[in-house]
Amino acid sequence: MNEFGTPADIDVAGAIEKVKKGSRLIWVLGNLDARRHARLQEVSEDVYLMDPEEIMESKDPEKLVGRSPVLVCEHGVTSMFLAKELRKRHIEAFSIDGGVEGMFKWHS
């Protein structure tokens, strides 16, 4: 746990709830192909694309990602790292467990 009292990793249903409450869904790694983009749009019509380094180097990451972003990458590794780092900076960030590949399994 952390200062927020919530785990950083959430499942797809949790991500959908966060986005419904105003969280941004952010793809944080490389190009986003049509297949993955379609899967992410099941969580949110608006998918933000951001460079992990830009987030980490920002003096004001909250301005970039919002107060409670939901981060996602291919397998959930990079997004989990970023979520934990953002939490150290007092931003309640979340990572979709298993990344976009985990989302495909969730729908199988």
Foldseek 3Di string as FASTA:
>chain_A
DAPVPDDQEDALVVLLVVVVVPFAEEEADDDDDPVLLVLVVVSPVDYHYHHLVCLVPDPCNCVVGNQEHEYAYQQQPSQNVSCVVVVVVVRNYHYHHGGSVSSVVVVD
